[in-house]
Amino acid sequence: MTNCQHCDHPNKGGWFYCRNCGDRAHPQKFTTNSWMRGDVSSRTDIEFNEVSLEQSASKMAKNTMNDRLKKLAAQPL
């Protein structure tokens, strides 16, 4: 259980807004900064990475398979 960042009131239900003071209960985890291109209304968020498409796909497939194997191993027989 965490407390509100403003009034330090316990946030038992994990609410987005504090039930005591009404402000945001937790600080933001991500910034709202993004790289803009083209028209004013179009927004593009870019994540830079130096991994090839093949390496990225194999890593995702490996992680997915590991998660499935862990779930299967945790199930009782």
C-alpha atoms as a PDB file:
ATOM      1  CA  MET A   1       0.000   0.000   0.000  1.00  0.00           C
ATOM      2  CA  THR A   2       1.340   3.413  -0.920  1.00  0.00           C
ATOM      3  CA  ASN A   3       0.474   6.863   0.319  1.00  0.00           C
ATOM      4  CA  CYS A   4      -0.639   9.973  -1.554  1.00  0.00           C
ATOM      5  CA  GLN A   5       2.253  12.092  -2.810  1.00  0.00           C
ATOM      6  CA  HIS A   6       0.513  15.283  -1.619  1.00  0.00           C
ATOM      7  CA  CYS A   7      -1.171  14.581   1.731  1.00  0.00           C
ATOM      8  CA  ASP A   8       0.502  11.257   2.691  1.00  0.00           C
ATOM      9  CA  HIS A   9      -2.935   9.675   3.218  1.00  0.00           C
ATOM     10  CA  PRO A  10      -2.941   5.857   2.749  1.00  0.00           C
ATOM     11  CA  ASN A  11      -4.200   4.833  -0.700  1.00  0.00           C
ATOM     12  CA  LYS A  12      -5.678   1.434   0.185  1.00  0.00           C
ATOM     13  CA  GLY A  13      -7.563   0.926  -3.070  1.00  0.00           C
ATOM     14  CA  GLY A  14      -4.728   2.038  -5.343  1.00  0.00           C
ATOM     15  CA  TRP A  15      -6.836   4.901  -6.683  1.00  0.00           C
ATOM     16  CA  PHE A  16      -5.482   7.195  -9.416  1.00  0.00           C
ATOM     17  CA  TYR A  17      -6.709  10.264  -7.531  1.00  0.00           C
ATOM     18  CA  CYS A  18      -6.402  10.530  -3.746  1.00  0.00           C
ATOM     19  CA  ARG A  19      -9.713   9.948  -1.951  1.00  0.00           C
ATOM     20  CA  ASN A  20      -8.632  12.434   0.745  1.00  0.00           C
ATOM     21  CA  CYS A  21      -7.265  15.492  -1.114  1.00  0.00           C
ATOM     22  CA  GLY A  22      -8.445  14.799  -4.678  1.00  0.00           C
ATOM     23  CA  ASP A  23      -5.018  15.313  -6.281  1.00  0.00           C
ATOM     24  CA  ARG A  24      -3.107  12.737  -8.310  1.00  0.00           C
ATOM     25  CA  ALA A  25      -2.075  10.039  -5.826  1.00  0.00           C
ATOM     26  CA  HIS A  26       1.227   9.073  -7.472  1.00  0.00           C
ATOM     27  CA  PRO A  27       3.866  10.955  -9.484  1.00  0.00           C
ATOM     28  CA  GLN A  28       3.926  10.428 -13.257  1.00  0.00           C
ATOM     29  CA  LYS A  29       6.073   7.527 -14.443  1.00  0.00           C
ATOM     30  CA  PHE A  30       6.528   8.829 -17.980  1.00  0.00           C
ATOM     31  CA  THR A  31       7.117  12.281 -19.413  1.00  0.00           C
ATOM     32  CA  THR A  32       4.784  13.843 -21.934  1.00  0.00           C
ATOM     33  CA  ASN A  33       7.668  14.971 -24.148  1.00  0.00           C
ATOM     34  CA  SER A  34       7.645  13.573 -27.655  1.00  0.00           C
ATOM     35  CA  TRP A  35       9.285  14.271 -30.956  1.00  0.00           C
ATOM     36  CA  MET A  36       6.906  16.015 -33.348  1.00  0.00           C
ATOM     37  CA  ARG A  37       7.060  15.893 -37.124  1.00  0.00           C
ATOM     38  CA  GLY A  38       4.919  16.998 -40.041  1.00  0.00           C
ATOM     39  CA  ASP A  39       1.569  18.590 -39.371  1.00  0.00           C
ATOM     40  CA  VAL A  40       0.809  20.061 -35.984  1.00  0.00           C
ATOM     41  CA  SER A  41      -1.865  17.429 -35.339  1.00  0.00           C
ATOM     42  CA  SER A  42       0.278  14.375 -36.136  1.00  0.00           C
ATOM     43  CA  ARG A  43       2.508  13.114 -33.354  1.00  0.00           C
ATOM     44  CA  THR A  44       5.260  10.548 -33.631  1.00  0.00           C
ATOM     45  CA  ASP A  45       6.865   8.896 -30.625  1.00  0.00           C
ATOM     46  CA  ILE A  46      10.216   7.443 -31.592  1.00  0.00           C
ATOM     47  CA  GLU A  47      12.213   4.876 -29.666  1.00  0.00           C
ATOM     48  CA  PHE A  48      15.811   4.568 -30.831  1.00  0.00           C
ATOM     49  CA  ASN A  49      17.378   1.125 -30.772  1.00  0.00           C
ATOM     50  CA  GLU A  50      20.382  -0.530 -32.408  1.00  0.00           C
ATOM     51  CA  VAL A  51      18.969  -4.078 -32.534  1.00  0.00           C
ATOM     52  CA  SER A  52      18.113  -5.648 -35.860  1.00  0.00           C
ATOM     53  CA  LEU A  53      14.581  -6.787 -36.620  1.00  0.00           C
ATOM     54  CA  GLU A  54      15.626 -10.451 -36.498  1.00  0.00           C
ATOM     55  CA  GLN A  55      17.309 -10.038 -33.098  1.00  0.00           C
ATOM     56  CA  SER A  56      14.288  -8.211 -31.711  1.00  0.00           C
ATOM     57  CA  ALA A  57      11.845 -10.859 -32.988  1.00  0.00           C
ATOM     58  CA  SER A  58      13.907 -13.748 -31.609  1.00  0.00           C
ATOM     59  CA  LYS A  59      14.205 -12.011 -28.223  1.00  0.00           C
ATOM     60  CA  MET A  60      10.426 -11.485 -28.063  1.00  0.00           C
ATOM     61  CA  ALA A  61       9.797 -15.109 -29.071  1.00  0.00           C
ATOM     62  CA  LYS A  62      12.254 -16.352 -26.442  1.00  0.00           C
ATOM     63  CA  ASN A  63      10.638 -14.232 -23.701  1.00  0.00           C
ATOM     64  CA  THR A  64       7.176 -15.442 -24.677  1.00  0.00           C
ATOM     65  CA  MET A  65       8.270 -19.083 -24.633  1.00  0.00           C
ATOM     66  CA  ASN A  66       9.996 -18.660 -21.265  1.00  0.00           C
ATOM     67  CA  ASP A  67       6.827 -17.142 -19.782  1.00  0.00           C
ATOM     68  CA  ARG A  68       4.718 -20.026 -21.107  1.00  0.00           C
ATOM     69  CA  LEU A  69       7.148 -22.618 -19.736  1.00  0.00           C
ATOM     70  CA  LYS A  70       7.151 -20.939 -16.317  1.00  0.00           C
ATOM     71  CA  LYS A  71       3.338 -20.957 -16.207  1.00  0.00           C
ATOM     72  CA  LEU A  72       3.240 -24.626 -17.199  1.00  0.00           C
ATOM     73  CA  ALA A  73       5.835 -25.541 -14.572  1.00  0.00           C
ATOM     74  CA  ALA A  74       3.873 -23.708 -11.870  1.00  0.00           C
ATOM     75  CA  GLN A  75       0.665 -25.649 -12.562  1.00  0.00           C
ATOM     76  CA  PRO A  76       0.074 -28.667 -10.298  1.00  0.00           C
ATOM     77  CA  LEU A  77      -0.154 -32.073 -11.973  1.00  0.00           C
END
